[in-house]
Amino acid sequence: MAKTMKAADARHRRTRRYFLKTAAGAALAAPAILKMTRAYADTPKLKVGHVSPRTGPLAGFAEADEHILAGVAKAFS
């Protein structure tokens, strides 16, 4: 009685060819993934932006913005 492989088993079979392809792909991708570089900013200041719906149907959500932004400015200064 011959043993037949199910389709799911055939897809998940680990062969030498599968291992070599995976190892080669990992070796090629490793320098790009593992490269650590320092990010240099154009200016030493950090600029924080804020988008708010001041007009239109969503303007009600912007009513507390002045209070919140004043607290954020106080925390950063």
C-alpha atoms as a PDB file:
ATOM      1  CA  MET A   1       0.000   0.000   0.000  1.00  0.00           C
ATOM      2  CA  ALA A   2       1.627   3.202  -1.169  1.00  0.00           C
ATOM      3  CA  LYS A   3       1.646   6.174   1.111  1.00  0.00           C
ATOM      4  CA  THR A   4       0.271   9.345  -0.454  1.00  0.00           C
ATOM      5  CA  MET A   5       0.832  12.797   0.891  1.00  0.00           C
ATOM      6  CA  LYS A   6      -2.079  15.104   1.493  1.00  0.00           C
ATOM      7  CA  ALA A   7      -1.908  18.545  -0.128  1.00  0.00           C
ATOM      8  CA  ALA A   8      -1.560  20.299   3.242  1.00  0.00           C
ATOM      9  CA  ASP A   9       1.310  18.026   4.256  1.00  0.00           C
ATOM     10  CA  ALA A  10       3.094  18.577   0.944  1.00  0.00           C
ATOM     11  CA  ARG A  11       2.997  22.359   1.378  1.00  0.00           C
ATOM     12  CA  HIS A  12       4.477  22.238   4.878  1.00  0.00           C
ATOM     13  CA  ARG A  13       7.158  19.673   4.137  1.00  0.00           C
ATOM     14  CA  ARG A  14      10.634  20.891   5.049  1.00  0.00           C
ATOM     15  CA  THR A  15      13.185  20.005   2.412  1.00  0.00           C
ATOM     16  CA  ARG A  16      16.803  20.937   1.904  1.00  0.00           C
ATOM     17  CA  ARG A  17      15.796  23.169  -1.020  1.00  0.00           C
ATOM     18  CA  TYR A  18      13.196  24.994   1.125  1.00  0.00           C
ATOM     19  CA  PHE A  19      15.761  25.507   3.892  1.00  0.00           C
ATOM     20  CA  LEU A  20      18.417  26.837   1.504  1.00  0.00           C
ATOM     21  CA  LYS A  21      15.976  29.262  -0.155  1.00  0.00           C
ATOM     22  CA  THR A  22      14.824  30.544   3.228  1.00  0.00           C
ATOM     23  CA  ALA A  23      18.373  30.875   4.562  1.00  0.00           C
ATOM     24  CA  ALA A  24      19.535  32.693   1.419  1.00  0.00           C
ATOM     25  CA  GLY A  25      16.593  35.083   1.610  1.00  0.00           C
ATOM     26  CA  ALA A  26      17.278  35.778   5.278  1.00  0.00           C
ATOM     27  CA  ALA A  27      20.971  36.343   4.568  1.00  0.00           C
ATOM     28  CA  LEU A  28      20.138  38.854   1.833  1.00  0.00           C
ATOM     29  CA  ALA A  29      17.554  40.684   3.947  1.00  0.00           C
ATOM     30  CA  ALA A  30      19.556  40.754   7.190  1.00  0.00           C
ATOM     31  CA  PRO A  31      21.775  43.787   6.428  1.00  0.00           C
ATOM     32  CA  ALA A  32      18.775  45.914   5.495  1.00  0.00           C
ATOM     33  CA  ILE A  33      16.831  44.875   8.579  1.00  0.00           C
ATOM     34  CA  LEU A  34      19.669  44.949  11.095  1.00  0.00           C
ATOM     35  CA  LYS A  35      21.385  48.131   9.935  1.00  0.00           C
ATOM     36  CA  MET A  36      21.261  50.690  12.733  1.00  0.00           C
ATOM     37  CA  THR A  37      21.711  54.319  11.758  1.00  0.00           C
ATOM     38  CA  ARG A  38      21.213  57.523  13.647  1.00  0.00           C
ATOM     39  CA  ALA A  39      18.510  59.869  12.401  1.00  0.00           C
ATOM     40  CA  TYR A  40      19.718  63.443  12.064  1.00  0.00           C
ATOM     41  CA  ALA A  41      17.201  66.255  12.293  1.00  0.00           C
ATOM     42  CA  ASP A  42      17.375  69.334  10.112  1.00  0.00           C
ATOM     43  CA  THR A  43      16.913  71.609  13.138  1.00  0.00           C
ATOM     44  CA  PRO A  44      17.333  70.879  16.847  1.00  0.00           C
ATOM     45  CA  LYS A  45      13.740  71.953  17.593  1.00  0.00           C
ATOM     46  CA  LEU A  46      10.893  69.471  17.558  1.00  0.00           C
ATOM     47  CA  LYS A  47       7.780  70.838  15.889  1.00  0.00           C
ATOM     48  CA  VAL A  48       4.451  69.358  16.925  1.00  0.00           C
ATOM     49  CA  GLY A  49       1.432  69.837  14.676  1.00  0.00           C
ATOM     50  CA  HIS A  50      -2.242  69.694  15.538  1.00  0.00           C
ATOM     51  CA  VAL A  51      -5.175  69.314  13.159  1.00  0.00           C
ATOM     52  CA  SER A  52      -8.566  70.365  14.468  1.00  0.00           C
ATOM     53  CA  PRO A  53     -12.026  70.672  12.902  1.00  0.00           C
ATOM     54  CA  ARG A  54     -12.719  74.303  13.879  1.00  0.00           C
ATOM     55  CA  THR A  55     -15.639  74.700  11.468  1.00  0.00           C
ATOM     56  CA  GLY A  56     -18.296  72.485   9.977  1.00  0.00           C
ATOM     57  CA  PRO A  57     -20.230  69.603  11.473  1.00  0.00           C
ATOM     58  CA  LEU A  58     -17.278  68.417  13.584  1.00  0.00           C
ATOM     59  CA  ALA A  59     -16.578  71.816  15.171  1.00  0.00           C
ATOM     60  CA  GLY A  60     -18.118  70.647  18.449  1.00  0.00           C
ATOM     61  CA  PHE A  61     -15.146  68.357  18.965  1.00  0.00           C
ATOM     62  CA  ALA A  62     -12.758  71.334  18.785  1.00  0.00           C
ATOM     63  CA  GLU A  63     -14.323  73.241  21.693  1.00  0.00           C
ATOM     64  CA  ALA A  64     -11.824  71.868  24.234  1.00  0.00           C
ATOM     65  CA  ASP A  65      -8.777  72.336  21.994  1.00  0.00           C
ATOM     66  CA  GLU A  66      -7.643  75.647  23.477  1.00  0.00           C
ATOM     67  CA  HIS A  67      -7.611  74.182  26.995  1.00  0.00           C
ATOM     68  CA  ILE A  68      -5.778  71.028  25.910  1.00  0.00           C
ATOM     69  CA  LEU A  69      -3.236  72.894  23.767  1.00  0.00           C
ATOM     70  CA  ALA A  70      -2.505  75.306  26.627  1.00  0.00           C
ATOM     71  CA  GLY A  71      -1.756  72.316  28.878  1.00  0.00           C
ATOM     72  CA  VAL A  72       0.478  70.731  26.261  1.00  0.00           C
ATOM     73  CA  ALA A  73       2.376  74.004  25.726  1.00  0.00           C
ATOM     74  CA  LYS A  74       2.835  74.330  29.497  1.00  0.00           C
ATOM     75  CA  ALA A  75       4.135  70.754  29.745  1.00  0.00           C
ATOM     76  CA  PHE A  76       6.707  71.293  26.974  1.00  0.00           C
ATOM     77  CA  SER A  77       7.980  74.657  28.226  1.00  0.00           C
END
